[in-house]
Amino acid sequence: MDRSKFVAILTGVISLLLAVGYLVLVQILDFRGEMIPAPVSLLPILFGLL
């Protein structure tokens, strides 16, 4: 197997590992539940003090 073919296969394997890792990370983050935004009721008071 020549060098260019080996580099192509290695790059493809790394790409697949990154893709699978990304999908696993997204599934883990999605498993945590619904994202609730931060409360904004104190923002006018905080910006008034600055």
PDB file of N, CA and C in Angstrom:
ATOM      1  N   MET A   1       0.863  -1.186   0.000  1.00  0.00           N
ATOM      2  CA  MET A   1       0.000   0.000   0.000  1.00  0.00           C
ATOM      3  C   MET A   1       0.902   1.239   0.000  1.00  0.00           C
ATOM      4  N   ASP A   2       0.673   2.111  -0.971  1.00  0.00           N
ATOM      5  CA  ASP A   2       1.517   3.296  -1.041  1.00  0.00           C
ATOM      6  C   ASP A   2       1.080   4.350  -0.022  1.00  0.00           C
ATOM      7  N   ARG A   3       1.938   5.340   0.135  1.00  0.00           N
ATOM      8  CA  ARG A   3       1.765   6.334   1.194  1.00  0.00           C
ATOM      9  C   ARG A   3       0.476   7.139   1.035  1.00  0.00           C
ATOM     10  N   SER A   4       0.128   7.564  -0.161  1.00  0.00           N
ATOM     11  CA  SER A   4      -1.057   8.400  -0.363  1.00  0.00           C
ATOM     12  C   SER A   4      -2.343   7.645  -0.022  1.00  0.00           C
ATOM     13  N   LYS A   5      -2.379   6.357  -0.343  1.00  0.00           N
ATOM     14  CA  LYS A   5      -3.555   5.567  -0.010  1.00  0.00           C
ATOM     15  C   LYS A   5      -3.677   5.399   1.507  1.00  0.00           C
ATOM     16  N   PHE A   6      -2.545   5.185   2.175  1.00  0.00           N
ATOM     17  CA  PHE A   6      -2.548   5.065   3.630  1.00  0.00           C
ATOM     18  C   PHE A   6      -3.023   6.366   4.286  1.00  0.00           C
ATOM     19  N   VAL A   7      -2.549   7.497   3.794  1.00  0.00           N
ATOM     20  CA  VAL A   7      -2.967   8.796   4.338  1.00  0.00           C
ATOM     21  C   VAL A   7      -4.455   9.017   4.103  1.00  0.00           C
ATOM     22  N   ALA A   8      -4.962   8.625   2.965  1.00  0.00           N
ATOM     23  CA  ALA A   8      -6.389   8.778   2.672  1.00  0.00           C
ATOM     24  C   ALA A   8      -7.234   7.922   3.612  1.00  0.00           C
ATOM     25  N   ILE A   9      -6.818   6.692   3.841  1.00  0.00           N
ATOM     26  CA  ILE A   9      -7.564   5.811   4.742  1.00  0.00           C
ATOM     27  C   ILE A   9      -7.498   6.338   6.169  1.00  0.00           C
ATOM     28  N   LEU A  10      -6.331   6.766   6.605  1.00  0.00           N
ATOM     29  CA  LEU A  10      -6.172   7.315   7.949  1.00  0.00           C
ATOM     30  C   LEU A  10      -7.026   8.565   8.141  1.00  0.00           C
ATOM     31  N   THR A  11      -7.056   9.431   7.149  1.00  0.00           N
ATOM     32  CA  THR A  11      -7.885  10.638   7.227  1.00  0.00           C
ATOM     33  C   THR A  11      -9.363  10.278   7.292  1.00  0.00           C
ATOM     34  N   GLY A  12      -9.788   9.279   6.533  1.00  0.00           N
ATOM     35  CA  GLY A  12     -11.181   8.847   6.581  1.00  0.00           C
ATOM     36  C   GLY A  12     -11.556   8.261   7.926  1.00  0.00           C
ATOM     37  N   VAL A  13     -10.659   7.481   8.521  1.00  0.00           N
ATOM     38  CA  VAL A  13     -10.924   6.901   9.844  1.00  0.00           C
ATOM     39  C   VAL A  13     -11.024   7.994  10.895  1.00  0.00           C
ATOM     40  N   ILE A  14     -10.115   8.964  10.857  1.00  0.00           N
ATOM     41  CA  ILE A  14     -10.172  10.084  11.806  1.00  0.00           C
ATOM     42  C   ILE A  14     -11.461  10.868  11.627  1.00  0.00           C
ATOM     43  N   SER A  15     -11.866  11.091  10.396  1.00  0.00           N
ATOM     44  CA  SER A  15     -13.107  11.811  10.126  1.00  0.00           C
ATOM     45  C   SER A  15     -14.322  11.074  10.683  1.00  0.00           C
ATOM     46  N   LEU A  16     -14.350   9.764  10.493  1.00  0.00           N
ATOM     47  CA  LEU A  16     -15.461   8.975  11.016  1.00  0.00           C
ATOM     48  C   LEU A  16     -15.485   8.990  12.541  1.00  0.00           C
ATOM     49  N   LEU A  17     -14.317   8.906  13.168  1.00  0.00           N
ATOM     50  CA  LEU A  17     -14.254   8.960  14.629  1.00  0.00           C
ATOM     51  C   LEU A  17     -14.746  10.301  15.160  1.00  0.00           C
ATOM     52  N   LEU A  18     -14.364  11.382  14.506  1.00  0.00           N
ATOM     53  CA  LEU A  18     -14.831  12.706  14.918  1.00  0.00           C
ATOM     54  C   LEU A  18     -16.340  12.828  14.744  1.00  0.00           C
ATOM     55  N   ALA A  19     -16.875  12.306  13.651  1.00  0.00           N
ATOM     56  CA  ALA A  19     -18.314  12.383  13.397  1.00  0.00           C
ATOM     57  C   ALA A  19     -19.093  11.592  14.437  1.00  0.00           C
ATOM     58  N   VAL A  20     -18.639  10.391  14.738  1.00  0.00           N
ATOM     59  CA  VAL A  20     -19.325   9.564  15.736  1.00  0.00           C
ATOM     60  C   VAL A  20     -19.207  10.216  17.114  1.00  0.00           C
ATOM     61  N   GLY A  21     -18.040  10.754  17.439  1.00  0.00           N
ATOM     62  CA  GLY A  21     -17.860  11.441  18.711  1.00  0.00           C
ATOM     63  C   GLY A  21     -18.776  12.638  18.844  1.00  0.00           C
ATOM     64  N   TYR A  22     -18.937  13.396  17.752  1.00  0.00           N
ATOM     65  CA  TYR A  22     -19.834  14.541  17.765  1.00  0.00           C
ATOM     66  C   TYR A  22     -21.280  14.099  17.990  1.00  0.00           C
ATOM     67  N   LEU A  23     -21.696  13.045  17.311  1.00  0.00           N
ATOM     68  CA  LEU A  23     -23.063  12.556  17.491  1.00  0.00           C
ATOM     69  C   LEU A  23     -23.305  12.065  18.912  1.00  0.00           C
ATOM     70  N   VAL A  24     -22.318  11.398  19.498  1.00  0.00           N
ATOM     71  CA  VAL A  24     -22.449  10.942  20.887  1.00  0.00           C
ATOM     72  C   VAL A  24     -22.548  12.143  21.822  1.00  0.00           C
ATOM     73  N   LEU A  25     -21.729  13.158  21.608  1.00  0.00           N
ATOM     74  CA  LEU A  25     -21.773  14.367  22.434  1.00  0.00           C
ATOM     75  C   LEU A  25     -23.123  15.058  22.334  1.00  0.00           C
ATOM     76  N   VAL A  26     -23.670  15.162  21.141  1.00  0.00           N
ATOM     77  CA  VAL A  26     -24.982  15.795  20.960  1.00  0.00           C
ATOM     78  C   VAL A  26     -26.066  14.983  21.658  1.00  0.00           C
ATOM     79  N   GLN A  27     -25.988  13.668  21.576  1.00  0.00           N
ATOM     80  CA  GLN A  27     -26.979  12.830  22.246  1.00  0.00           C
ATOM     81  C   GLN A  27     -26.895  12.975  23.767  1.00  0.00           C
ATOM     82  N   ILE A  28     -25.692  13.059  24.293  1.00  0.00           N
ATOM     83  CA  ILE A  28     -25.523  13.239  25.739  1.00  0.00           C
ATOM     84  C   ILE A  28     -26.087  14.584  26.179  1.00  0.00           C
ATOM     85  N   LEU A  29     -25.784  15.632  25.418  1.00  0.00           N
ATOM     86  CA  LEU A  29     -26.299  16.959  25.776  1.00  0.00           C
ATOM     87  C   LEU A  29     -27.814  17.020  25.623  1.00  0.00           C
ATOM     88  N   ASP A  30     -28.353  16.328  24.636  1.00  0.00           N
ATOM     89  CA  ASP A  30     -29.791  16.328  24.416  1.00  0.00           C
ATOM     90  C   ASP A  30     -30.513  15.498  25.481  1.00  0.00           C
ATOM     91  N   PHE A  31     -29.848  14.497  26.022  1.00  0.00           N
ATOM     92  CA  PHE A  31     -30.429  13.617  27.021  1.00  0.00           C
ATOM     93  C   PHE A  31     -30.704  14.350  28.341  1.00  0.00           C
ATOM     94  N   ARG A  32     -29.985  15.477  28.575  1.00  0.00           N
ATOM     95  CA  ARG A  32     -30.122  16.202  29.836  1.00  0.00           C
ATOM     96  C   ARG A  32     -31.490  16.852  29.993  1.00  0.00           C
ATOM     97  N   GLY A  33     -32.216  17.000  28.931  1.00  0.00           N
ATOM     98  CA  GLY A  33     -33.564  17.551  29.028  1.00  0.00           C
ATOM     99  C   GLY A  33     -33.676  18.909  28.354  1.00  0.00           C
ATOM    100  N   GLU A  34     -34.818  19.526  28.573  1.00  0.00           N
ATOM    101  CA  GLU A  34     -35.107  20.794  27.930  1.00  0.00           C
ATOM    102  C   GLU A  34     -34.229  21.904  28.486  1.00  0.00           C
ATOM    103  N   MET A  35     -33.741  22.743  27.590  1.00  0.00           N
ATOM    104  CA  MET A  35     -32.932  23.886  28.019  1.00  0.00           C
ATOM    105  C   MET A  35     -33.860  24.993  28.495  1.00  0.00           C
ATOM    106  N   ILE A  36     -33.627  25.474  29.698  1.00  0.00           N
ATOM    107  CA  ILE A  36     -34.443  26.535  30.275  1.00  0.00           C
ATOM    108  C   ILE A  36     -33.609  27.817  30.263  1.00  0.00           C
ATOM    109  N   PRO A  37     -34.116  28.890  29.680  1.00  0.00           N
ATOM    110  CA  PRO A  37     -33.328  30.123  29.627  1.00  0.00           C
ATOM    111  C   PRO A  37     -33.132  30.726  31.016  1.00  0.00           C
ATOM    112  N   ALA A  38     -32.091  31.512  31.148  1.00  0.00           N
ATOM    113  CA  ALA A  38     -31.802  32.166  32.416  1.00  0.00           C
ATOM    114  C   ALA A  38     -32.883  33.200  32.716  1.00  0.00           C
ATOM    115  N   PRO A  39     -33.179  33.437  33.982  1.00  0.00           N
ATOM    116  CA  PRO A  39     -34.175  34.456  34.316  1.00  0.00           C
ATOM    117  C   PRO A  39     -33.662  35.838  33.943  1.00  0.00           C
ATOM    118  N   VAL A  40     -34.535  36.651  33.389  1.00  0.00           N
ATOM    119  CA  VAL A  40     -34.145  37.990  32.953  1.00  0.00           C
ATOM    120  C   VAL A  40     -34.778  39.070  33.828  1.00  0.00           C
ATOM    121  N   SER A  41     -35.392  38.703  34.932  1.00  0.00           N
ATOM    122  CA  SER A  41     -36.087  39.690  35.752  1.00  0.00           C
ATOM    123  C   SER A  41     -35.123  40.644  36.444  1.00  0.00           C
ATOM    124  N   LEU A  42     -33.866  40.251  36.672  1.00  0.00           N
ATOM    125  CA  LEU A  42     -32.916  41.113  37.362  1.00  0.00           C
ATOM    126  C   LEU A  42     -32.061  41.946  36.408  1.00  0.00           C
ATOM    127  N   LEU A  43     -32.177  41.733  35.120  1.00  0.00           N
ATOM    128  CA  LEU A  43     -31.327  42.450  34.179  1.00  0.00           C
ATOM    129  C   LEU A  43     -31.504  43.969  34.226  1.00  0.00           C
ATOM    130  N   PRO A  44     -32.704  44.531  34.269  1.00  0.00           N
ATOM    131  CA  PRO A  44     -32.807  45.995  34.329  1.00  0.00           C
ATOM    132  C   PRO A  44     -32.173  46.564  35.607  1.00  0.00           C
ATOM    133  N   ILE A  45     -32.271  45.865  36.701  1.00  0.00           N
ATOM    134  CA  ILE A  45     -31.689  46.351  37.949  1.00  0.00           C
ATOM    135  C   ILE A  45     -30.155  46.326  37.850  1.00  0.00           C
ATOM    136  N   LEU A  46     -29.622  45.256  37.324  1.00  0.00           N
ATOM    137  CA  LEU A  46     -28.155  45.148  37.204  1.00  0.00           C
ATOM    138  C   LEU A  46     -27.597  46.182  36.243  1.00  0.00           C
ATOM    139  N   PHE A  47     -28.272  46.416  35.136  1.00  0.00           N
ATOM    140  CA  PHE A  47     -27.755  47.400  34.181  1.00  0.00           C
ATOM    141  C   PHE A  47     -27.945  48.814  34.711  1.00  0.00           C
ATOM    142  N   GLY A  48     -28.916  49.030  35.578  1.00  0.00           N
ATOM    143  CA  GLY A  48     -29.089  50.342  36.182  1.00  0.00           C
ATOM    144  C   GLY A  48     -27.990  50.680  37.160  1.00  0.00           C
ATOM    145  N   LEU A  49     -27.369  49.664  37.783  1.00  0.00           N
ATOM    146  CA  LEU A  49     -26.310  49.904  38.738  1.00  0.00           C
ATOM    147  C   LEU A  49     -24.979  50.159  38.075  1.00  0.00           C
ATOM    148  N   LEU A  50     -24.810  49.734  36.822  1.00  0.00           N
ATOM    149  CA  LEU A  50     -23.535  49.911  36.129  1.00  0.00           C
ATOM    150  C   LEU A  50     -23.375  51.261  35.607  1.00  0.00           C
TER     151      LEU A  50
END
